[in-house]
C-alpha atoms as a PDB file:
ATOM      1  CA  UNK A   1      89.992 -59.777  23.749  1.00  0.00           C
ATOM      2  CA  UNK A   2      92.341 -59.176  26.657  1.00  0.00           C
ATOM      3  CA  UNK A   3      96.051 -59.064  25.922  1.00  0.00           C
ATOM      4  CA  UNK A   4      97.966 -61.862  27.624  1.00  0.00           C
ATOM      5  CA  UNK A   5     101.600 -61.571  28.580  1.00  0.00           C
ATOM      6  CA  UNK A   6     103.931 -63.446  30.901  1.00  0.00           C
ATOM      7  CA  UNK A   7     105.826 -60.908  32.997  1.00  0.00           C
ATOM      8  CA  UNK A   8     108.450 -63.497  33.996  1.00  0.00           C
ATOM      9  CA  UNK A   9     109.139 -64.275  30.369  1.00  0.00           C
ATOM     10  CA  UNK A  10     109.613 -60.584  29.679  1.00  0.00           C
ATOM     11  CA  UNK A  11     113.183 -60.631  30.987  1.00  0.00           C
ATOM     12  CA  UNK A  12     114.266 -62.332  27.765  1.00  0.00           C
ATOM     13  CA  UNK A  13     111.961 -59.995  25.894  1.00  0.00           C
ATOM     14  CA  UNK A  14     113.645 -56.887  27.288  1.00  0.00           C
ATOM     15  CA  UNK A  15     117.073 -58.277  26.410  1.00  0.00           C
ATOM     16  CA  UNK A  16     115.788 -58.906  22.893  1.00  0.00           C
ATOM     17  CA  UNK A  17     114.315 -55.395  22.883  1.00  0.00           C
ATOM     18  CA  UNK A  18     117.725 -53.894  23.677  1.00  0.00           C
ATOM     19  CA  UNK A  19     119.426 -56.017  21.027  1.00  0.00           C
ATOM     20  CA  UNK A  20     116.768 -55.415  18.409  1.00  0.00           C
ATOM     21  CA  UNK A  21     116.835 -51.625  18.602  1.00  0.00           C
ATOM     22  CA  UNK A  22     119.687 -49.156  18.718  1.00  0.00           C
ATOM     23  CA  UNK A  23     119.928 -45.485  19.651  1.00  0.00           C
ATOM     24  CA  UNK A  24     116.547 -44.055  20.587  1.00  0.00           C
ATOM     25  CA  UNK A  25     114.695 -47.333  21.079  1.00  0.00           C
ATOM     26  CA  UNK A  26     117.468 -48.743  23.257  1.00  0.00           C
ATOM     27  CA  UNK A  27     117.035 -45.847  25.675  1.00  0.00           C
ATOM     28  CA  UNK A  28     113.345 -46.688  26.035  1.00  0.00           C
ATOM     29  CA  UNK A  29     114.307 -50.060  27.459  1.00  0.00           C
ATOM     30  CA  UNK A  30     117.211 -49.139  29.708  1.00  0.00           C
ATOM     31  CA  UNK A  31     118.107 -50.089  32.314  1.00  0.00           C
ATOM     32  CA  UNK A  32     117.431 -53.814  31.807  1.00  0.00           C
ATOM     33  CA  UNK A  33     115.342 -55.155  34.670  1.00  0.00           C
ATOM     34  CA  UNK A  34     116.678 -58.240  36.428  1.00  0.00           C
ATOM     35  CA  UNK A  35     113.646 -59.540  38.294  1.00  0.00           C
ATOM     36  CA  UNK A  36     109.864 -59.070  38.147  1.00  0.00           C
ATOM     37  CA  UNK A  37     109.909 -57.537  41.631  1.00  0.00           C
ATOM     38  CA  UNK A  38     111.934 -54.593  40.359  1.00  0.00           C
ATOM     39  CA  UNK A  39     109.153 -53.669  37.990  1.00  0.00           C
ATOM     40  CA  UNK A  40     107.286 -52.363  41.014  1.00  0.00           C
ATOM     41  CA  UNK A  41     109.785 -49.497  41.322  1.00  0.00           C
ATOM     42  CA  UNK A  42     110.374 -46.523  39.075  1.00  0.00           C
ATOM     43  CA  UNK A  43     113.960 -45.758  38.122  1.00  0.00           C
ATOM     44  CA  UNK A  44     115.242 -42.397  39.350  1.00  0.00           C
ATOM     45  CA  UNK A  45     116.904 -40.072  36.896  1.00  0.00           C
ATOM     46  CA  UNK A  46     118.520 -36.655  37.484  1.00  0.00           C
ATOM     47  CA  UNK A  47     116.530 -33.604  36.508  1.00  0.00           C
ATOM     48  CA  UNK A  48     116.875 -32.510  32.916  1.00  0.00           C
ATOM     49  CA  UNK A  49     118.550 -29.228  32.076  1.00  0.00           C
ATOM     50  CA  UNK A  50     115.937 -26.869  30.688  1.00  0.00           C
ATOM     51  CA  UNK A  51     116.143 -23.678  28.692  1.00  0.00           C
ATOM     52  CA  UNK A  52     114.660 -20.496  30.205  1.00  0.00           C
ATOM     53  CA  UNK A  53     110.896 -20.163  30.198  1.00  0.00           C
ATOM     54  CA  UNK A  54     109.250 -16.934  29.053  1.00  0.00           C
ATOM     55  CA  UNK A  55     108.674 -16.777  25.303  1.00  0.00           C
ATOM     56  CA  UNK A  56     109.769 -20.412  24.886  1.00  0.00           C
ATOM     57  CA  UNK A  57     107.085 -21.745  27.238  1.00  0.00           C
ATOM     58  CA  UNK A  58     104.668 -22.689  24.440  1.00  0.00           C
ATOM     59  CA  UNK A  59     107.309 -24.021  22.038  1.00  0.00           C
ATOM     60  CA  UNK A  60     107.774 -27.763  21.742  1.00  0.00           C
ATOM     61  CA  UNK A  61     110.520 -27.600  19.089  1.00  0.00           C
ATOM     62  CA  UNK A  62     112.913 -24.812  18.209  1.00  0.00           C
ATOM     63  CA  UNK A  63     115.749 -25.179  15.701  1.00  0.00           C
ATOM     64  CA  UNK A  64     118.006 -22.165  15.287  1.00  0.00           C
ATOM     65  CA  UNK A  65     120.381 -21.988  12.290  1.00  0.00           C
ATOM     66  CA  UNK A  66     120.975 -25.738  12.389  1.00  0.00           C
ATOM     67  CA  UNK A  67     123.311 -27.402   9.899  1.00  0.00           C
ATOM     68  CA  UNK A  68     124.256 -31.062   9.642  1.00  0.00           C
ATOM     69  CA  UNK A  69     127.255 -32.330   7.707  1.00  0.00           C
ATOM     70  CA  UNK A  70     128.356 -35.964   7.559  1.00  0.00           C
ATOM     71  CA  UNK A  71     131.935 -37.229   7.445  1.00  0.00           C
ATOM     72  CA  UNK A  72     131.917 -37.541   3.662  1.00  0.00           C
ATOM     73  CA  UNK A  73     131.296 -33.811   3.374  1.00  0.00           C
ATOM     74  CA  UNK A  74     127.625 -34.181   2.461  1.00  0.00           C
ATOM     75  CA  UNK A  75     125.604 -31.185   3.686  1.00  0.00           C
ATOM     76  CA  UNK A  76     122.275 -32.740   4.650  1.00  0.00           C
ATOM     77  CA  UNK A  77     120.782 -29.689   6.368  1.00  0.00           C
ATOM     78  CA  UNK A  78     121.907 -26.094   5.872  1.00  0.00           C
ATOM     79  CA  UNK A  79     120.996 -23.203   8.199  1.00  0.00           C
ATOM     80  CA  UNK A  80     117.612 -24.669   9.147  1.00  0.00           C
ATOM     81  CA  UNK A  81     115.375 -22.766  11.556  1.00  0.00           C
ATOM     82  CA  UNK A  82     112.000 -24.077  12.694  1.00  0.00           C
ATOM     83  CA  UNK A  83     109.491 -23.482  15.482  1.00  0.00           C
ATOM     84  CA  UNK A  84     106.727 -25.908  16.424  1.00  0.00           C
ATOM     85  CA  UNK A  85     104.352 -24.963  19.211  1.00  0.00           C
ATOM     86  CA  UNK A  86     102.880 -27.395  21.689  1.00  0.00           C
ATOM     87  CA  UNK A  87      99.792 -29.022  20.229  1.00  0.00           C
ATOM     88  CA  UNK A  88     100.788 -28.357  16.604  1.00  0.00           C
ATOM     89  CA  UNK A  89     100.590 -30.887  13.772  1.00  0.00           C
ATOM     90  CA  UNK A  90     103.334 -30.426  11.164  1.00  0.00           C
ATOM     91  CA  UNK A  91     104.192 -32.266   7.972  1.00  0.00           C
ATOM     92  CA  UNK A  92     107.772 -32.289   6.659  1.00  0.00           C
ATOM     93  CA  UNK A  93     108.057 -33.274   3.005  1.00  0.00           C
ATOM     94  CA  UNK A  94     110.938 -33.759   0.617  1.00  0.00           C
ATOM     95  CA  UNK A  95     112.428 -36.226  -1.803  1.00  0.00           C
ATOM     96  CA  UNK A  96     114.113 -39.415  -0.608  1.00  0.00           C
ATOM     97  CA  UNK A  97     117.479 -38.477   0.904  1.00  0.00           C
ATOM     98  CA  UNK A  98     116.500 -34.829   1.379  1.00  0.00           C
ATOM     99  CA  UNK A  99     117.202 -34.923   5.120  1.00  0.00           C
ATOM    100  CA  UNK A 100     113.777 -35.583   6.642  1.00  0.00           C
ATOM    101  CA  UNK A 101     114.956 -38.503   8.785  1.00  0.00           C
ATOM    102  CA  UNK A 102     118.080 -36.592   9.792  1.00  0.00           C
ATOM    103  CA  UNK A 103     115.952 -33.717  11.050  1.00  0.00           C
ATOM    104  CA  UNK A 104     113.896 -36.079  13.225  1.00  0.00           C
ATOM    105  CA  UNK A 105     117.074 -37.732  14.550  1.00  0.00           C
ATOM    106  CA  UNK A 106     118.308 -34.308  15.626  1.00  0.00           C
ATOM    107  CA  UNK A 107     115.102 -33.869  17.619  1.00  0.00           C
ATOM    108  CA  UNK A 108     115.587 -37.042  19.676  1.00  0.00           C
ATOM    109  CA  UNK A 109     119.380 -36.857  19.944  1.00  0.00           C
ATOM    110  CA  UNK A 110     120.341 -39.677  17.582  1.00  0.00           C
ATOM    111  CA  UNK A 111     122.334 -37.100  15.591  1.00  0.00           C
ATOM    112  CA  UNK A 112     124.027 -33.888  16.716  1.00  0.00           C
ATOM    113  CA  UNK A 113     124.100 -30.680  14.677  1.00  0.00           C
ATOM    114  CA  UNK A 114     127.358 -29.453  13.171  1.00  0.00           C
ATOM    115  CA  UNK A 115     126.209 -25.970  14.136  1.00  0.00           C
ATOM    116  CA  UNK A 116     123.138 -24.306  15.552  1.00  0.00           C
ATOM    117  CA  UNK A 117     120.878 -25.198  18.455  1.00  0.00           C
ATOM    118  CA  UNK A 118     118.148 -27.823  18.847  1.00  0.00           C
ATOM    119  CA  UNK A 119     115.677 -27.198  21.683  1.00  0.00           C
ATOM    120  CA  UNK A 120     112.937 -29.761  22.333  1.00  0.00           C
ATOM    121  CA  UNK A 121     110.464 -29.370  25.192  1.00  0.00           C
ATOM    122  CA  UNK A 122     112.747 -26.748  26.785  1.00  0.00           C
ATOM    123  CA  UNK A 123     115.813 -29.051  26.625  1.00  0.00           C
ATOM    124  CA  UNK A 124     118.985 -28.343  24.676  1.00  0.00           C
ATOM    125  CA  UNK A 125     119.314 -31.771  23.088  1.00  0.00           C
ATOM    126  CA  UNK A 126     123.036 -31.529  22.253  1.00  0.00           C
ATOM    127  CA  UNK A 127     123.890 -31.051  25.943  1.00  0.00           C
ATOM    128  CA  UNK A 128     122.115 -34.206  27.112  1.00  0.00           C
ATOM    129  CA  UNK A 129     124.173 -37.307  27.889  1.00  0.00           C
ATOM    130  CA  UNK A 130     123.646 -40.676  29.554  1.00  0.00           C
ATOM    131  CA  UNK A 131     120.650 -40.864  31.883  1.00  0.00           C
ATOM    132  CA  UNK A 132     119.562 -37.326  31.029  1.00  0.00           C
ATOM    133  CA  UNK A 133     119.298 -38.236  27.372  1.00  0.00           C
ATOM    134  CA  UNK A 134     117.478 -41.487  28.205  1.00  0.00           C
ATOM    135  CA  UNK A 135     114.922 -39.664  30.335  1.00  0.00           C
ATOM    136  CA  UNK A 136     114.440 -37.030  27.655  1.00  0.00           C
ATOM    137  CA  UNK A 137     113.790 -39.670  24.990  1.00  0.00           C
ATOM    138  CA  UNK A 138     111.057 -41.254  27.073  1.00  0.00           C
ATOM    139  CA  UNK A 139     109.060 -38.073  26.521  1.00  0.00           C
ATOM    140  CA  UNK A 140     109.067 -38.697  22.767  1.00  0.00           C
ATOM    141  CA  UNK A 141     107.194 -41.336  20.797  1.00  0.00           C
ATOM    142  CA  UNK A 142     108.913 -42.336  17.551  1.00  0.00           C
ATOM    143  CA  UNK A 143     107.148 -44.249  14.765  1.00  0.00           C
ATOM    144  CA  UNK A 144     109.372 -45.858  12.130  1.00  0.00           C
ATOM    145  CA  UNK A 145     108.595 -46.719   8.521  1.00  0.00           C
ATOM    146  CA  UNK A 146     109.813 -50.311   8.961  1.00  0.00           C
ATOM    147  CA  UNK A 147     107.790 -50.905  12.171  1.00  0.00           C
ATOM    148  CA  UNK A 148     110.670 -52.470  14.228  1.00  0.00           C
ATOM    149  CA  UNK A 149     108.401 -54.974  15.983  1.00  0.00           C
ATOM    150  CA  UNK A 150     109.984 -57.953  17.751  1.00  0.00           C
ATOM    151  CA  UNK A 151     108.903 -61.034  15.718  1.00  0.00           C
ATOM    152  CA  UNK A 152     108.894 -63.416  18.703  1.00  0.00           C
ATOM    153  CA  UNK A 153     106.506 -61.235  20.734  1.00  0.00           C
ATOM    154  CA  UNK A 154     102.774 -60.653  20.328  1.00  0.00           C
ATOM    155  CA  UNK A 155     101.341 -57.241  19.571  1.00  0.00           C
ATOM    156  CA  UNK A 156     100.383 -56.779  23.214  1.00  0.00           C
ATOM    157  CA  UNK A 157     103.846 -57.793  24.383  1.00  0.00           C
ATOM    158  CA  UNK A 158     105.584 -55.503  21.881  1.00  0.00           C
ATOM    159  CA  UNK A 159     103.603 -52.563  23.192  1.00  0.00           C
ATOM    160  CA  UNK A 160     103.850 -53.536  26.879  1.00  0.00           C
ATOM    161  CA  UNK A 161     107.624 -54.036  26.739  1.00  0.00           C
ATOM    162  CA  UNK A 162     108.155 -50.280  26.646  1.00  0.00           C
ATOM    163  CA  UNK A 163     106.242 -49.818  29.896  1.00  0.00           C
ATOM    164  CA  UNK A 164     107.715 -52.842  31.642  1.00  0.00           C
ATOM    165  CA  UNK A 165     111.245 -51.772  30.817  1.00  0.00           C
ATOM    166  CA  UNK A 166     110.528 -48.327  32.259  1.00  0.00           C
ATOM    167  CA  UNK A 167     109.384 -49.850  35.558  1.00  0.00           C
ATOM    168  CA  UNK A 168     105.597 -49.683  35.336  1.00  0.00           C
ATOM    169  CA  UNK A 169     103.638 -52.143  37.475  1.00  0.00           C
ATOM    170  CA  UNK A 170     101.683 -54.985  35.896  1.00  0.00           C
ATOM    171  CA  UNK A 171      98.428 -53.295  36.882  1.00  0.00           C
ATOM    172  CA  UNK A 172      99.429 -50.024  35.237  1.00  0.00           C
ATOM    173  CA  UNK A 173     100.663 -51.814  32.107  1.00  0.00           C
ATOM    174  CA  UNK A 174      97.289 -53.529  31.698  1.00  0.00           C
ATOM    175  CA  UNK A 175      95.452 -50.270  32.383  1.00  0.00           C
ATOM    176  CA  UNK A 176      97.325 -48.525  29.588  1.00  0.00           C
ATOM    177  CA  UNK A 177      97.601 -51.402  27.133  1.00  0.00           C
ATOM    178  CA  UNK A 178      93.958 -52.102  26.334  1.00  0.00           C
ATOM    179  CA  UNK A 179      92.812 -48.521  25.582  1.00  0.00           C
ATOM    180  CA  UNK A 180      95.951 -47.936  23.507  1.00  0.00           C
ATOM    181  CA  UNK A 181      95.266 -50.983  21.344  1.00  0.00           C
ATOM    182  CA  UNK A 182      91.628 -49.894  20.994  1.00  0.00           C
ATOM    183  CA  UNK A 183      92.752 -46.454  19.846  1.00  0.00           C
ATOM    184  CA  UNK A 184      94.730 -47.928  16.946  1.00  0.00           C
ATOM    185  CA  UNK A 185      92.081 -50.558  16.145  1.00  0.00           C
ATOM    186  CA  UNK A 186      94.104 -53.579  17.276  1.00  0.00           C
ATOM    187  CA  UNK A 187      92.276 -54.659  20.418  1.00  0.00           C
ATOM    188  CA  UNK A 188      91.331 -57.968  18.785  1.00  0.00           C
ATOM    189  CA  UNK A 189      94.888 -58.523  17.537  1.00  0.00           C
ATOM    190  CA  UNK A 190      96.623 -58.231  20.920  1.00  0.00           C
ATOM    191  CA  UNK A 191      97.649 -61.887  21.000  1.00  0.00           C
ATOM    192  CA  UNK A 192      98.750 -62.092  17.361  1.00  0.00           C
ATOM    193  CA  UNK A 193     102.389 -62.108  16.278  1.00  0.00           C
ATOM    194  CA  UNK A 194     103.698 -59.503  13.806  1.00  0.00           C
ATOM    195  CA  UNK A 195     103.862 -62.011  10.938  1.00  0.00           C
ATOM    196  CA  UNK A 196     100.118 -62.555  11.322  1.00  0.00           C
ATOM    197  CA  UNK A 197      99.377 -58.874  10.682  1.00  0.00           C
ATOM    198  CA  UNK A 198      99.053 -56.893   7.490  1.00  0.00           C
ATOM    199  CA  UNK A 199     101.462 -54.037   6.813  1.00  0.00           C
ATOM    200  CA  UNK A 200      98.891 -51.485   7.957  1.00  0.00           C
ATOM    201  CA  UNK A 201      98.264 -53.399  11.182  1.00  0.00           C
ATOM    202  CA  UNK A 202     101.984 -53.655  11.881  1.00  0.00           C
ATOM    203  CA  UNK A 203     102.328 -49.908  11.477  1.00  0.00           C
ATOM    204  CA  UNK A 204      99.418 -49.342  13.844  1.00  0.00           C
ATOM    205  CA  UNK A 205     101.110 -51.655  16.361  1.00  0.00           C
ATOM    206  CA  UNK A 206     104.232 -49.527  16.004  1.00  0.00           C
ATOM    207  CA  UNK A 207     102.145 -46.426  16.722  1.00  0.00           C
ATOM    208  CA  UNK A 208     100.635 -48.084  19.801  1.00  0.00           C
ATOM    209  CA  UNK A 209     104.123 -48.820  21.133  1.00  0.00           C
ATOM    210  CA  UNK A 210     105.162 -45.205  20.553  1.00  0.00           C
ATOM    211  CA  UNK A 211     102.165 -43.677  22.359  1.00  0.00           C
ATOM    212  CA  UNK A 212     101.443 -46.115  25.205  1.00  0.00           C
ATOM    213  CA  UNK A 213     103.532 -44.049  27.645  1.00  0.00           C
ATOM    214  CA  UNK A 214     101.591 -40.911  26.553  1.00  0.00           C
ATOM    215  CA  UNK A 215     104.549 -38.813  25.330  1.00  0.00           C
ATOM    216  CA  UNK A 216     103.810 -35.124  24.623  1.00  0.00           C
ATOM    217  CA  UNK A 217     105.743 -35.261  21.314  1.00  0.00           C
ATOM    218  CA  UNK A 218     105.226 -37.821  18.529  1.00  0.00           C
ATOM    219  CA  UNK A 219     107.680 -38.095  15.626  1.00  0.00           C
ATOM    220  CA  UNK A 220     106.674 -40.272  12.681  1.00  0.00           C
ATOM    221  CA  UNK A 221     109.301 -41.017  10.030  1.00  0.00           C
ATOM    222  CA  UNK A 222     107.591 -41.888   6.713  1.00  0.00           C
ATOM    223  CA  UNK A 223     104.873 -43.871   8.561  1.00  0.00           C
ATOM    224  CA  UNK A 224     102.874 -44.428   5.374  1.00  0.00           C
ATOM    225  CA  UNK A 225     105.793 -45.158   3.059  1.00  0.00           C
ATOM    226  CA  UNK A 226     105.052 -48.896   2.829  1.00  0.00           C
ATOM    227  CA  UNK A 227     101.261 -48.652   2.902  1.00  0.00           C
ATOM    228  CA  UNK A 228      98.496 -48.468   0.336  1.00  0.00           C
ATOM    229  CA  UNK A 229      96.292 -45.332   0.210  1.00  0.00           C
ATOM    230  CA  UNK A 230      93.532 -46.740   2.445  1.00  0.00           C
ATOM    231  CA  UNK A 231      95.921 -47.859   5.177  1.00  0.00           C
ATOM    232  CA  UNK A 232      97.862 -44.603   4.859  1.00  0.00           C
ATOM    233  CA  UNK A 233      94.687 -42.651   5.510  1.00  0.00           C
ATOM    234  CA  UNK A 234      93.860 -44.804   8.563  1.00  0.00           C
ATOM    235  CA  UNK A 235      97.300 -44.136  10.011  1.00  0.00           C
ATOM    236  CA  UNK A 236      96.957 -40.390   9.430  1.00  0.00           C
ATOM    237  CA  UNK A 237      93.576 -40.415  11.169  1.00  0.00           C
ATOM    238  CA  UNK A 238      95.205 -41.923  14.260  1.00  0.00           C
ATOM    239  CA  UNK A 239      97.790 -39.136  14.309  1.00  0.00           C
ATOM    240  CA  UNK A 240      95.037 -36.536  13.917  1.00  0.00           C
ATOM    241  CA  UNK A 241      93.166 -38.049  16.861  1.00  0.00           C
ATOM    242  CA  UNK A 242      96.317 -38.016  19.012  1.00  0.00           C
ATOM    243  CA  UNK A 243      96.836 -34.381  18.074  1.00  0.00           C
ATOM    244  CA  UNK A 244      93.257 -33.608  19.139  1.00  0.00           C
ATOM    245  CA  UNK A 245      94.145 -35.045  22.562  1.00  0.00           C
ATOM    246  CA  UNK A 246      96.938 -32.451  22.875  1.00  0.00           C
ATOM    247  CA  UNK A 247     100.007 -34.264  21.522  1.00  0.00           C
ATOM    248  CA  UNK A 248     102.418 -32.397  19.269  1.00  0.00           C
ATOM    249  CA  UNK A 249     102.803 -34.406  16.058  1.00  0.00           C
ATOM    250  CA  UNK A 250     105.525 -34.136  13.405  1.00  0.00           C
ATOM    251  CA  UNK A 251     105.246 -36.421  10.378  1.00  0.00           C
ATOM    252  CA  UNK A 252     107.733 -36.773   7.524  1.00  0.00           C
ATOM    253  CA  UNK A 253     106.459 -37.975   4.165  1.00  0.00           C
ATOM    254  CA  UNK A 254     107.003 -37.724   0.435  1.00  0.00           C
ATOM    255  CA  UNK A 255     103.289 -38.235  -0.277  1.00  0.00           C
ATOM    256  CA  UNK A 256     102.122 -34.675  -0.897  1.00  0.00           C
ATOM    257  CA  UNK A 257      98.690 -35.836  -2.071  1.00  0.00           C
ATOM    258  CA  UNK A 258      98.063 -37.336   1.364  1.00  0.00           C
ATOM    259  CA  UNK A 259      99.310 -34.152   3.006  1.00  0.00           C
ATOM    260  CA  UNK A 260      96.854 -32.031   1.027  1.00  0.00           C
ATOM    261  CA  UNK A 261      93.971 -34.178   2.261  1.00  0.00           C
ATOM    262  CA  UNK A 262      94.905 -33.479   5.884  1.00  0.00           C
ATOM    263  CA  UNK A 263      95.098 -29.674   5.636  1.00  0.00           C
ATOM    264  CA  UNK A 264      97.863 -29.226   8.240  1.00  0.00           C
ATOM    265  CA  UNK A 265     100.882 -26.898   8.116  1.00  0.00           C
ATOM    266  CA  UNK A 266     103.661 -28.074   5.824  1.00  0.00           C
ATOM    267  CA  UNK A 267     107.385 -27.427   5.383  1.00  0.00           C
ATOM    268  CA  UNK A 268     109.610 -28.879   2.683  1.00  0.00           C
ATOM    269  CA  UNK A 269     113.306 -29.774   2.700  1.00  0.00           C
ATOM    270  CA  UNK A 270     114.971 -28.972  -0.597  1.00  0.00           C
ATOM    271  CA  UNK A 271     118.715 -28.907  -1.217  1.00  0.00           C
ATOM    272  CA  UNK A 272     119.284 -29.041   2.540  1.00  0.00           C
ATOM    273  CA  UNK A 273     117.171 -25.983   3.281  1.00  0.00           C
ATOM    274  CA  UNK A 274     113.730 -25.702   4.849  1.00  0.00           C
ATOM    275  CA  UNK A 275     110.918 -23.947   3.008  1.00  0.00           C
ATOM    276  CA  UNK A 276     107.446 -23.143   4.298  1.00  0.00           C
ATOM    277  CA  UNK A 277     104.578 -23.946   1.929  1.00  0.00           C
END
């Protein structure tokens, strides 16, 4: 089944996209395109500031003595250091409220550290602002526990909106859309609306949206938290396949039984500190 979408009607869709998401997802859709003709052009952004090469060349993520404290004095992360190489698959576990989501937000610039340094794909995240931060975030695919699909748009449109908003042509959108939906097992659901999908299918649609622009880094925040064991395993298999293609994958979860089945490296956040297991 081929995904159908009306590119003219996407102008309202992109406005909804910007309104529906904040922070990271908003940057995926900026700037808002005014006319279909402008989708034929790619938006120019200034070059990102990068850290020196050398020993850091193979590192996708590097946190050095990072601490995060909120306004109420709560110390969410304390002196956290972490290295993730390109092509790695890492699980981050911990109890609810341990700081797993905060750590991921530090990686895509939604939060800033109180101290320490966060380097992602050779970029010092805390130094990025405006267009530089927007461009940086387009190199990261984020999967959320609550899916964040636009109810008024089909699965195909939800996924394609990311590409359209970034200036991809209609031909390129179609070229990317179909194999992405096949990868997550939703090719026959392209023209369905989110309410017509099961929870597992909605999460797979969320994954498709995160990966359709082929980002080198994928961050998944409790992607199986609302799913039953069978659907959780399907979702994890998709991440494993993406990792086999070369993507760096970081997944937060509190389901340690699922983690043990996957046999990938694991770190745990406990009392604000990071422990290797």
